[in-house]
């Protein structure tokens, strides 16, 4: 049995659109007896269940994949704590409602500012976060991606929000729940031993490939999102590089579709 750990933004899709036949092929692999699919996205613009719904609307069939995102890692971390917390969530309404479904803030508890990918960010939220931090609250991030790739270009992500708070309040995040950091890796590490062969596919060297390399996985960099060949360094080197995930899939399955014109311009890059 093999496992595929797949990023979404810049790897399987851009915006709301599949990159070539990436979604279709992922569904075929996930429904087979040969592969298990794990979606390993850092995107926290929605709560866990709504993220799964969004992936379903993108075309991924929910029965064919398991979602591992920073909120899931955060929830797992909460279960390990004995302290009660008063958490200020800098995130969308969807993310906040999702977290509040399993966590209830308690007064006179340890205060925490938790930053996610807040597409509904406003000045009031930043000021409230600042008050928490100035009063000694802990600073946590769901992930630290500075931007999210879209079909229109880059947009600010959780890491940019966190950097703003760092700059103003001279406070550094003490815990991060996203790729490639320790808690995310520890969560995935419990899954990897089930499989004889594991591939990690993503578009970012500093998150996807770094995360996969830390776990000793076969790491596949695709060039449809953030990173380019020029960005590769000795510090972070993927196992292999592909122009996009479709040609990786064709190699993985040993398929060559000469009748599909979308394959004619692709090539394996190493």
C-alpha atoms as a PDB file:
ATOM      1  CA  UNK A   1       0.000   0.000   0.000  1.00  0.00           C
ATOM      2  CA  UNK A   2       1.248   3.490  -0.905  1.00  0.00           C
ATOM      3  CA  UNK A   3       0.340   6.903   0.488  1.00  0.00           C
ATOM      4  CA  UNK A   4       0.220  10.289  -1.205  1.00  0.00           C
ATOM      5  CA  UNK A   5       0.420  13.431   0.921  1.00  0.00           C
ATOM      6  CA  UNK A   6      -0.808  16.238  -1.335  1.00  0.00           C
ATOM      7  CA  UNK A   7      -0.838  20.000  -0.975  1.00  0.00           C
ATOM      8  CA  UNK A   8      -3.763  21.833  -2.622  1.00  0.00           C
ATOM      9  CA  UNK A   9      -3.103  25.508  -3.445  1.00  0.00           C
ATOM     10  CA  UNK A  10      -0.523  25.644  -6.213  1.00  0.00           C
ATOM     11  CA  UNK A  11      -0.305  21.842  -6.428  1.00  0.00           C
ATOM     12  CA  UNK A  12      -3.718  20.333  -7.198  1.00  0.00           C
ATOM     13  CA  UNK A  13      -5.515  23.588  -7.956  1.00  0.00           C
ATOM     14  CA  UNK A  14      -5.244  27.337  -8.380  1.00  0.00           C
ATOM     15  CA  UNK A  15      -8.190  29.292  -7.092  1.00  0.00           C
ATOM     16  CA  UNK A  16     -11.215  27.099  -7.682  1.00  0.00           C
ATOM     17  CA  UNK A  17      -9.806  25.281 -10.698  1.00  0.00           C
ATOM     18  CA  UNK A  18      -8.044  21.957 -11.005  1.00  0.00           C
ATOM     19  CA  UNK A  19      -4.580  22.062 -12.563  1.00  0.00           C
ATOM     20  CA  UNK A  20      -5.205  19.935 -15.643  1.00  0.00           C
ATOM     21  CA  UNK A  21      -6.634  16.549 -14.672  1.00  0.00           C
ATOM     22  CA  UNK A  22      -5.091  16.649 -11.178  1.00  0.00           C
ATOM     23  CA  UNK A  23      -8.400  16.357  -9.299  1.00  0.00           C
ATOM     24  CA  UNK A  24      -9.770  13.642 -11.566  1.00  0.00           C
ATOM     25  CA  UNK A  25      -6.627  11.536 -11.261  1.00  0.00           C
ATOM     26  CA  UNK A  26      -6.445  12.061  -7.490  1.00  0.00           C
ATOM     27  CA  UNK A  27      -9.977  10.681  -7.180  1.00  0.00           C
ATOM     28  CA  UNK A  28      -9.048   7.636  -9.250  1.00  0.00           C
ATOM     29  CA  UNK A  29      -6.014   6.963  -7.077  1.00  0.00           C
ATOM     30  CA  UNK A  30      -7.984   7.469  -3.874  1.00  0.00           C
ATOM     31  CA  UNK A  31     -10.669   5.022  -4.928  1.00  0.00           C
ATOM     32  CA  UNK A  32      -8.130   2.341  -5.807  1.00  0.00           C
ATOM     33  CA  UNK A  33      -6.772  -0.368  -3.518  1.00  0.00           C
ATOM     34  CA  UNK A  34      -3.209   0.807  -4.107  1.00  0.00           C
ATOM     35  CA  UNK A  35      -3.177   4.351  -2.707  1.00  0.00           C
ATOM     36  CA  UNK A  36      -4.410   6.277   0.317  1.00  0.00           C
ATOM     37  CA  UNK A  37      -4.704  10.043  -0.161  1.00  0.00           C
ATOM     38  CA  UNK A  38      -3.952  12.605   2.550  1.00  0.00           C
ATOM     39  CA  UNK A  39      -4.598  16.280   1.812  1.00  0.00           C
ATOM     40  CA  UNK A  40      -1.958  18.223   3.747  1.00  0.00           C
ATOM     41  CA  UNK A  41      -2.921  21.846   3.290  1.00  0.00           C
ATOM     42  CA  UNK A  42      -1.876  24.786   5.455  1.00  0.00           C
ATOM     43  CA  UNK A  43      -4.952  26.756   4.375  1.00  0.00           C
ATOM     44  CA  UNK A  44      -7.022  27.820   7.404  1.00  0.00           C
ATOM     45  CA  UNK A  45      -9.373  30.308   5.767  1.00  0.00           C
ATOM     46  CA  UNK A  46     -12.252  27.968   6.701  1.00  0.00           C
ATOM     47  CA  UNK A  47     -13.010  25.618   9.573  1.00  0.00           C
ATOM     48  CA  UNK A  48     -12.159  21.936   9.266  1.00  0.00           C
ATOM     49  CA  UNK A  49     -15.551  20.685   8.040  1.00  0.00           C
ATOM     50  CA  UNK A  50     -16.047  23.608   5.661  1.00  0.00           C
ATOM     51  CA  UNK A  51     -12.553  23.032   4.277  1.00  0.00           C
ATOM     52  CA  UNK A  52     -13.586  19.468   3.451  1.00  0.00           C
ATOM     53  CA  UNK A  53     -16.747  20.825   1.811  1.00  0.00           C
ATOM     54  CA  UNK A  54     -14.682  23.275  -0.236  1.00  0.00           C
ATOM     55  CA  UNK A  55     -12.431  20.430  -1.387  1.00  0.00           C
ATOM     56  CA  UNK A  56     -15.536  18.470  -2.365  1.00  0.00           C
ATOM     57  CA  UNK A  57     -16.780  21.425  -4.420  1.00  0.00           C
ATOM     58  CA  UNK A  58     -13.370  21.514  -6.090  1.00  0.00           C
ATOM     59  CA  UNK A  59     -14.092  17.953  -7.178  1.00  0.00           C
ATOM     60  CA  UNK A  60     -12.275  15.846  -4.592  1.00  0.00           C
ATOM     61  CA  UNK A  61     -14.559  13.085  -3.338  1.00  0.00           C
ATOM     62  CA  UNK A  62     -14.614  13.081   0.472  1.00  0.00           C
ATOM     63  CA  UNK A  63     -14.567   9.281   0.666  1.00  0.00           C
ATOM     64  CA  UNK A  64     -11.253   9.255  -1.214  1.00  0.00           C
ATOM     65  CA  UNK A  65      -9.104  11.385   1.089  1.00  0.00           C
ATOM     66  CA  UNK A  66      -8.285  12.317   4.672  1.00  0.00           C
ATOM     67  CA  UNK A  67      -7.699  15.975   5.503  1.00  0.00           C
ATOM     68  CA  UNK A  68      -4.743  16.925   7.695  1.00  0.00           C
ATOM     69  CA  UNK A  69      -4.640  20.664   8.270  1.00  0.00           C
ATOM     70  CA  UNK A  70      -3.277  22.918  11.038  1.00  0.00           C
ATOM     71  CA  UNK A  71      -6.648  23.076  12.803  1.00  0.00           C
ATOM     72  CA  UNK A  72      -6.671  19.285  13.173  1.00  0.00           C
ATOM     73  CA  UNK A  73      -3.141  19.403  14.627  1.00  0.00           C
ATOM     74  CA  UNK A  74      -4.208  22.260  16.939  1.00  0.00           C
ATOM     75  CA  UNK A  75      -7.228  20.291  18.143  1.00  0.00           C
ATOM     76  CA  UNK A  76      -5.040  17.266  18.820  1.00  0.00           C
ATOM     77  CA  UNK A  77      -2.642  19.491  20.793  1.00  0.00           C
ATOM     78  CA  UNK A  78      -5.482  20.875  22.924  1.00  0.00           C
ATOM     79  CA  UNK A  79      -6.343  17.340  24.013  1.00  0.00           C
ATOM     80  CA  UNK A  80      -2.841  16.981  25.460  1.00  0.00           C
ATOM     81  CA  UNK A  81      -3.138  20.076  27.682  1.00  0.00           C
ATOM     82  CA  UNK A  82      -4.291  20.107  31.276  1.00  0.00           C
ATOM     83  CA  UNK A  83      -4.483  23.918  31.501  1.00  0.00           C
ATOM     84  CA  UNK A  84      -7.637  25.800  30.582  1.00  0.00           C
ATOM     85  CA  UNK A  85      -7.184  28.536  27.997  1.00  0.00           C
ATOM     86  CA  UNK A  86      -8.721  31.831  26.951  1.00  0.00           C
ATOM     87  CA  UNK A  87      -7.992  31.868  23.213  1.00  0.00           C
ATOM     88  CA  UNK A  88      -8.488  34.893  20.997  1.00  0.00           C
ATOM     89  CA  UNK A  89      -8.897  33.571  17.458  1.00  0.00           C
ATOM     90  CA  UNK A  90      -7.708  35.825  14.639  1.00  0.00           C
ATOM     91  CA  UNK A  91      -9.525  33.997  11.876  1.00  0.00           C
ATOM     92  CA  UNK A  92     -12.638  33.894   9.760  1.00  0.00           C
ATOM     93  CA  UNK A  93     -16.072  33.280  11.226  1.00  0.00           C
ATOM     94  CA  UNK A  94     -15.957  29.770   9.776  1.00  0.00           C
ATOM     95  CA  UNK A  95     -12.668  28.959  11.519  1.00  0.00           C
ATOM     96  CA  UNK A  96     -13.802  30.517  14.800  1.00  0.00           C
ATOM     97  CA  UNK A  97     -17.073  28.567  14.852  1.00  0.00           C
ATOM     98  CA  UNK A  98     -15.233  25.357  14.078  1.00  0.00           C
ATOM     99  CA  UNK A  99     -12.786  25.824  16.956  1.00  0.00           C
ATOM    100  CA  UNK A 100     -15.523  26.946  19.333  1.00  0.00           C
ATOM    101  CA  UNK A 101     -17.434  23.711  18.609  1.00  0.00           C
ATOM    102  CA  UNK A 102     -14.836  21.756  20.624  1.00  0.00           C
ATOM    103  CA  UNK A 103     -13.230  24.482  22.734  1.00  0.00           C
ATOM    104  CA  UNK A 104     -14.944  26.869  25.127  1.00  0.00           C
ATOM    105  CA  UNK A 105     -12.996  29.911  26.344  1.00  0.00           C
ATOM    106  CA  UNK A 106     -12.649  30.211  30.105  1.00  0.00           C
ATOM    107  CA  UNK A 107     -12.093  33.441  31.982  1.00  0.00           C
ATOM    108  CA  UNK A 108      -9.123  33.779  34.334  1.00  0.00           C
ATOM    109  CA  UNK A 109      -7.265  31.197  32.257  1.00  0.00           C
ATOM    110  CA  UNK A 110      -3.989  31.371  30.353  1.00  0.00           C
ATOM    111  CA  UNK A 111      -4.481  33.800  27.466  1.00  0.00           C
ATOM    112  CA  UNK A 112      -3.487  32.902  23.921  1.00  0.00           C
ATOM    113  CA  UNK A 113      -3.647  34.736  20.595  1.00  0.00           C
ATOM    114  CA  UNK A 114      -4.128  32.214  17.759  1.00  0.00           C
ATOM    115  CA  UNK A 115      -3.572  33.524  14.213  1.00  0.00           C
ATOM    116  CA  UNK A 116      -4.998  31.830  11.117  1.00  0.00           C
ATOM    117  CA  UNK A 117      -5.621  32.808   7.491  1.00  0.00           C
ATOM    118  CA  UNK A 118      -8.142  35.559   8.190  1.00  0.00           C
ATOM    119  CA  UNK A 119      -9.739  36.809   4.993  1.00  0.00           C
ATOM    120  CA  UNK A 120     -12.126  38.859   7.165  1.00  0.00           C
ATOM    121  CA  UNK A 121      -9.343  40.640   9.048  1.00  0.00           C
ATOM    122  CA  UNK A 122     -10.098  44.138  10.293  1.00  0.00           C
ATOM    123  CA  UNK A 123      -8.388  46.766  12.406  1.00  0.00           C
ATOM    124  CA  UNK A 124     -10.433  45.945  15.482  1.00  0.00           C
ATOM    125  CA  UNK A 125      -9.166  42.357  15.512  1.00  0.00           C
ATOM    126  CA  UNK A 126      -5.560  43.541  15.334  1.00  0.00           C
ATOM    127  CA  UNK A 127      -6.075  45.966  18.211  1.00  0.00           C
ATOM    128  CA  UNK A 128      -7.703  43.281  20.361  1.00  0.00           C
ATOM    129  CA  UNK A 129      -4.866  40.876  19.600  1.00  0.00           C
ATOM    130  CA  UNK A 130      -2.435  43.601  20.621  1.00  0.00           C
ATOM    131  CA  UNK A 131      -4.167  44.072  23.949  1.00  0.00           C
ATOM    132  CA  UNK A 132      -3.866  40.361  24.633  1.00  0.00           C
ATOM    133  CA  UNK A 133      -0.169  40.322  23.704  1.00  0.00           C
ATOM    134  CA  UNK A 134       0.640  43.427  25.748  1.00  0.00           C
ATOM    135  CA  UNK A 135      -1.029  41.761  28.733  1.00  0.00           C
ATOM    136  CA  UNK A 136       1.316  38.777  28.407  1.00  0.00           C
ATOM    137  CA  UNK A 137      -0.718  36.378  26.259  1.00  0.00           C
ATOM    138  CA  UNK A 138       1.030  33.548  24.440  1.00  0.00           C
ATOM    139  CA  UNK A 139       1.317  33.955  20.656  1.00  0.00           C
ATOM    140  CA  UNK A 140       0.428  30.903  18.528  1.00  0.00           C
ATOM    141  CA  UNK A 141       0.013  30.556  14.758  1.00  0.00           C
ATOM    142  CA  UNK A 142      -1.944  27.920  12.862  1.00  0.00           C
ATOM    143  CA  UNK A 143       0.685  28.265  10.144  1.00  0.00           C
ATOM    144  CA  UNK A 144       3.175  30.839   8.926  1.00  0.00           C
ATOM    145  CA  UNK A 145       2.688  30.951   5.154  1.00  0.00           C
ATOM    146  CA  UNK A 146       3.209  34.600   4.272  1.00  0.00           C
ATOM    147  CA  UNK A 147       1.009  34.380   1.176  1.00  0.00           C
ATOM    148  CA  UNK A 148      -1.455  32.113  -0.590  1.00  0.00           C
ATOM    149  CA  UNK A 149      -1.057  31.549  -4.361  1.00  0.00           C
ATOM    150  CA  UNK A 150      -4.172  32.191  -6.448  1.00  0.00           C
ATOM    151  CA  UNK A 151      -4.929  32.348 -10.152  1.00  0.00           C
ATOM    152  CA  UNK A 152      -4.599  36.161  -9.820  1.00  0.00           C
ATOM    153  CA  UNK A 153      -1.280  36.112  -7.952  1.00  0.00           C
ATOM    154  CA  UNK A 154      -0.307  36.186  -4.290  1.00  0.00           C
ATOM    155  CA  UNK A 155      -2.593  37.265  -1.443  1.00  0.00           C
ATOM    156  CA  UNK A 156      -1.535  37.857   2.215  1.00  0.00           C
ATOM    157  CA  UNK A 157      -1.841  34.786   4.453  1.00  0.00           C
ATOM    158  CA  UNK A 158      -1.554  33.976   8.164  1.00  0.00           C
ATOM    159  CA  UNK A 159       2.207  34.525   8.240  1.00  0.00           C
ATOM    160  CA  UNK A 160       1.785  38.112   7.074  1.00  0.00           C
ATOM    161  CA  UNK A 161      -0.771  38.811   9.806  1.00  0.00           C
ATOM    162  CA  UNK A 162       1.561  37.285  12.380  1.00  0.00           C
ATOM    163  CA  UNK A 163       4.493  39.379  11.092  1.00  0.00           C
ATOM    164  CA  UNK A 164       2.451  42.556  11.531  1.00  0.00           C
ATOM    165  CA  UNK A 165       1.721  41.658  15.167  1.00  0.00           C
ATOM    166  CA  UNK A 166       5.374  40.725  15.712  1.00  0.00           C
ATOM    167  CA  UNK A 167       6.499  44.097  14.383  1.00  0.00           C
ATOM    168  CA  UNK A 168       4.072  46.193  16.416  1.00  0.00           C
ATOM    169  CA  UNK A 169       4.128  44.273  19.696  1.00  0.00           C
ATOM    170  CA  UNK A 170       7.662  42.816  19.639  1.00  0.00           C
ATOM    171  CA  UNK A 171       6.270  39.342  20.288  1.00  0.00           C
ATOM    172  CA  UNK A 172       7.328  36.100  18.583  1.00  0.00           C
ATOM    173  CA  UNK A 173       5.020  33.107  17.999  1.00  0.00           C
ATOM    174  CA  UNK A 174       5.964  30.323  20.412  1.00  0.00           C
ATOM    175  CA  UNK A 175       3.941  27.515  18.782  1.00  0.00           C
ATOM    176  CA  UNK A 176       3.035  26.858  15.153  1.00  0.00           C
ATOM    177  CA  UNK A 177       0.665  24.091  14.032  1.00  0.00           C
ATOM    178  CA  UNK A 178       1.370  24.062  10.281  1.00  0.00           C
ATOM    179  CA  UNK A 179       3.841  22.568   7.848  1.00  0.00           C
ATOM    180  CA  UNK A 180       6.804  22.142   8.223  1.00  0.00           C
ATOM    181  CA  UNK A 181       6.897  22.568  11.985  1.00  0.00           C
ATOM    182  CA  UNK A 182       7.256  19.995  14.720  1.00  0.00           C
ATOM    183  CA  UNK A 183       3.660  19.446  15.848  1.00  0.00           C
ATOM    184  CA  UNK A 184       2.443  18.927  12.285  1.00  0.00           C
ATOM    185  CA  UNK A 185       5.318  16.533  11.595  1.00  0.00           C
ATOM    186  CA  UNK A 186       4.659  14.629  14.827  1.00  0.00           C
ATOM    187  CA  UNK A 187       1.027  14.160  13.830  1.00  0.00           C
ATOM    188  CA  UNK A 188       1.897  12.850  10.357  1.00  0.00           C
ATOM    189  CA  UNK A 189       4.697  10.693  11.746  1.00  0.00           C
ATOM    190  CA  UNK A 190       2.066   8.457  13.373  1.00  0.00           C
ATOM    191  CA  UNK A 191       0.574   7.712   9.934  1.00  0.00           C
ATOM    192  CA  UNK A 192       3.663   7.106   7.789  1.00  0.00           C
ATOM    193  CA  UNK A 193       4.669   3.663   9.177  1.00  0.00           C
ATOM    194  CA  UNK A 194       1.459   2.106   7.827  1.00  0.00           C
ATOM    195  CA  UNK A 195       2.771   2.342   4.253  1.00  0.00           C
ATOM    196  CA  UNK A 196       5.521   0.739   2.221  1.00  0.00           C
ATOM    197  CA  UNK A 197       6.024   3.829   0.070  1.00  0.00           C
ATOM    198  CA  UNK A 198       5.062   7.441   0.749  1.00  0.00           C
ATOM    199  CA  UNK A 199       5.181  10.471  -1.562  1.00  0.00           C
ATOM    200  CA  UNK A 200       4.797  14.110  -0.574  1.00  0.00           C
ATOM    201  CA  UNK A 201       3.800  16.464  -3.415  1.00  0.00           C
ATOM    202  CA  UNK A 202       3.802  20.241  -3.029  1.00  0.00           C
ATOM    203  CA  UNK A 203       4.772  23.552  -4.600  1.00  0.00           C
ATOM    204  CA  UNK A 204       6.673  25.143  -1.704  1.00  0.00           C
ATOM    205  CA  UNK A 205      10.205  24.294  -0.718  1.00  0.00           C
ATOM    206  CA  UNK A 206      10.067  25.902   2.720  1.00  0.00           C
ATOM    207  CA  UNK A 207       6.833  24.195   3.805  1.00  0.00           C
ATOM    208  CA  UNK A 208       5.917  21.136   1.712  1.00  0.00           C
ATOM    209  CA  UNK A 209       9.365  19.854   0.763  1.00  0.00           C
ATOM    210  CA  UNK A 210      10.935  20.783   4.096  1.00  0.00           C
ATOM    211  CA  UNK A 211       8.127  18.939   5.909  1.00  0.00           C
ATOM    212  CA  UNK A 212       8.496  15.849   3.721  1.00  0.00           C
ATOM    213  CA  UNK A 213      12.277  15.826   4.041  1.00  0.00           C
ATOM    214  CA  UNK A 214      12.037  15.988   7.835  1.00  0.00           C
ATOM    215  CA  UNK A 215      10.009  12.781   7.767  1.00  0.00           C
ATOM    216  CA  UNK A 216      12.213  11.044   5.199  1.00  0.00           C
ATOM    217  CA  UNK A 217       9.483  10.891   2.535  1.00  0.00           C
ATOM    218  CA  UNK A 218       9.867  10.876  -1.255  1.00  0.00           C
ATOM    219  CA  UNK A 219       9.409  14.586  -1.904  1.00  0.00           C
ATOM    220  CA  UNK A 220       8.075  15.885  -5.216  1.00  0.00           C
ATOM    221  CA  UNK A 221       8.273  19.594  -6.040  1.00  0.00           C
ATOM    222  CA  UNK A 222       5.819  20.867  -8.669  1.00  0.00           C
ATOM    223  CA  UNK A 223       6.347  24.210 -10.387  1.00  0.00           C
ATOM    224  CA  UNK A 224       2.730  25.389 -10.536  1.00  0.00           C
ATOM    225  CA  UNK A 225       2.749  27.469  -7.366  1.00  0.00           C
ATOM    226  CA  UNK A 226       5.369  29.194  -5.249  1.00  0.00           C
ATOM    227  CA  UNK A 227       8.813  27.709  -5.857  1.00  0.00           C
ATOM    228  CA  UNK A 228      10.956  27.604  -8.983  1.00  0.00           C
ATOM    229  CA  UNK A 229      14.053  25.595  -9.892  1.00  0.00           C
ATOM    230  CA  UNK A 230      16.163  28.671  -9.109  1.00  0.00           C
ATOM    231  CA  UNK A 231      14.905  28.585  -5.501  1.00  0.00           C
ATOM    232  CA  UNK A 232      16.356  25.139  -4.787  1.00  0.00           C
ATOM    233  CA  UNK A 233      19.297  25.078  -2.404  1.00  0.00           C
ATOM    234  CA  UNK A 234      21.387  22.419  -0.707  1.00  0.00           C
ATOM    235  CA  UNK A 235      19.418  23.137   2.468  1.00  0.00           C
ATOM    236  CA  UNK A 236      16.081  22.091   0.958  1.00  0.00           C
ATOM    237  CA  UNK A 237      16.262  19.711  -1.997  1.00  0.00           C
ATOM    238  CA  UNK A 238      13.321  17.625  -3.271  1.00  0.00           C
ATOM    239  CA  UNK A 239      13.678  14.017  -4.368  1.00  0.00           C
ATOM    240  CA  UNK A 240      12.446  15.052  -7.816  1.00  0.00           C
ATOM    241  CA  UNK A 241      10.916  17.985  -9.683  1.00  0.00           C
ATOM    242  CA  UNK A 242       8.005  18.067 -12.117  1.00  0.00           C
ATOM    243  CA  UNK A 243       6.487  20.822 -14.158  1.00  0.00           C
ATOM    244  CA  UNK A 244       3.128  19.890 -12.624  1.00  0.00           C
ATOM    245  CA  UNK A 245       1.459  17.084 -10.732  1.00  0.00           C
ATOM    246  CA  UNK A 246      -0.113  15.559 -13.836  1.00  0.00           C
ATOM    247  CA  UNK A 247       3.183  14.390 -15.287  1.00  0.00           C
ATOM    248  CA  UNK A 248       4.182  13.065 -11.857  1.00  0.00           C
ATOM    249  CA  UNK A 249       0.961  11.054 -11.868  1.00  0.00           C
ATOM    250  CA  UNK A 250       1.716   9.752 -15.361  1.00  0.00           C
ATOM    251  CA  UNK A 251       5.130   8.566 -14.169  1.00  0.00           C
ATOM    252  CA  UNK A 252       3.661   7.135 -10.983  1.00  0.00           C
ATOM    253  CA  UNK A 253       1.116   5.129 -12.940  1.00  0.00           C
ATOM    254  CA  UNK A 254       3.407   4.588 -15.930  1.00  0.00           C
ATOM    255  CA  UNK A 255       0.813   6.193 -18.183  1.00  0.00           C
ATOM    256  CA  UNK A 256       1.435   8.187 -21.345  1.00  0.00           C
ATOM    257  CA  UNK A 257      -1.618   9.696 -22.983  1.00  0.00           C
ATOM    258  CA  UNK A 258      -0.529  10.713 -26.493  1.00  0.00           C
ATOM    259  CA  UNK A 259      -4.078  11.768 -27.350  1.00  0.00           C
ATOM    260  CA  UNK A 260      -4.255  14.336 -24.553  1.00  0.00           C
ATOM    261  CA  UNK A 261      -2.853  17.640 -25.871  1.00  0.00           C
ATOM    262  CA  UNK A 262      -2.391  18.936 -22.300  1.00  0.00           C
ATOM    263  CA  UNK A 263       0.478  16.451 -21.882  1.00  0.00           C
ATOM    264  CA  UNK A 264       2.462  17.521 -24.939  1.00  0.00           C
ATOM    265  CA  UNK A 265       4.219  20.483 -23.303  1.00  0.00           C
ATOM    266  CA  UNK A 266       5.067  18.767 -20.035  1.00  0.00           C
ATOM    267  CA  UNK A 267       8.319  17.131 -19.166  1.00  0.00           C
ATOM    268  CA  UNK A 268       9.960  15.613 -16.159  1.00  0.00           C
ATOM    269  CA  UNK A 269      12.610  18.069 -15.034  1.00  0.00           C
ATOM    270  CA  UNK A 270      15.127  15.721 -13.404  1.00  0.00           C
END
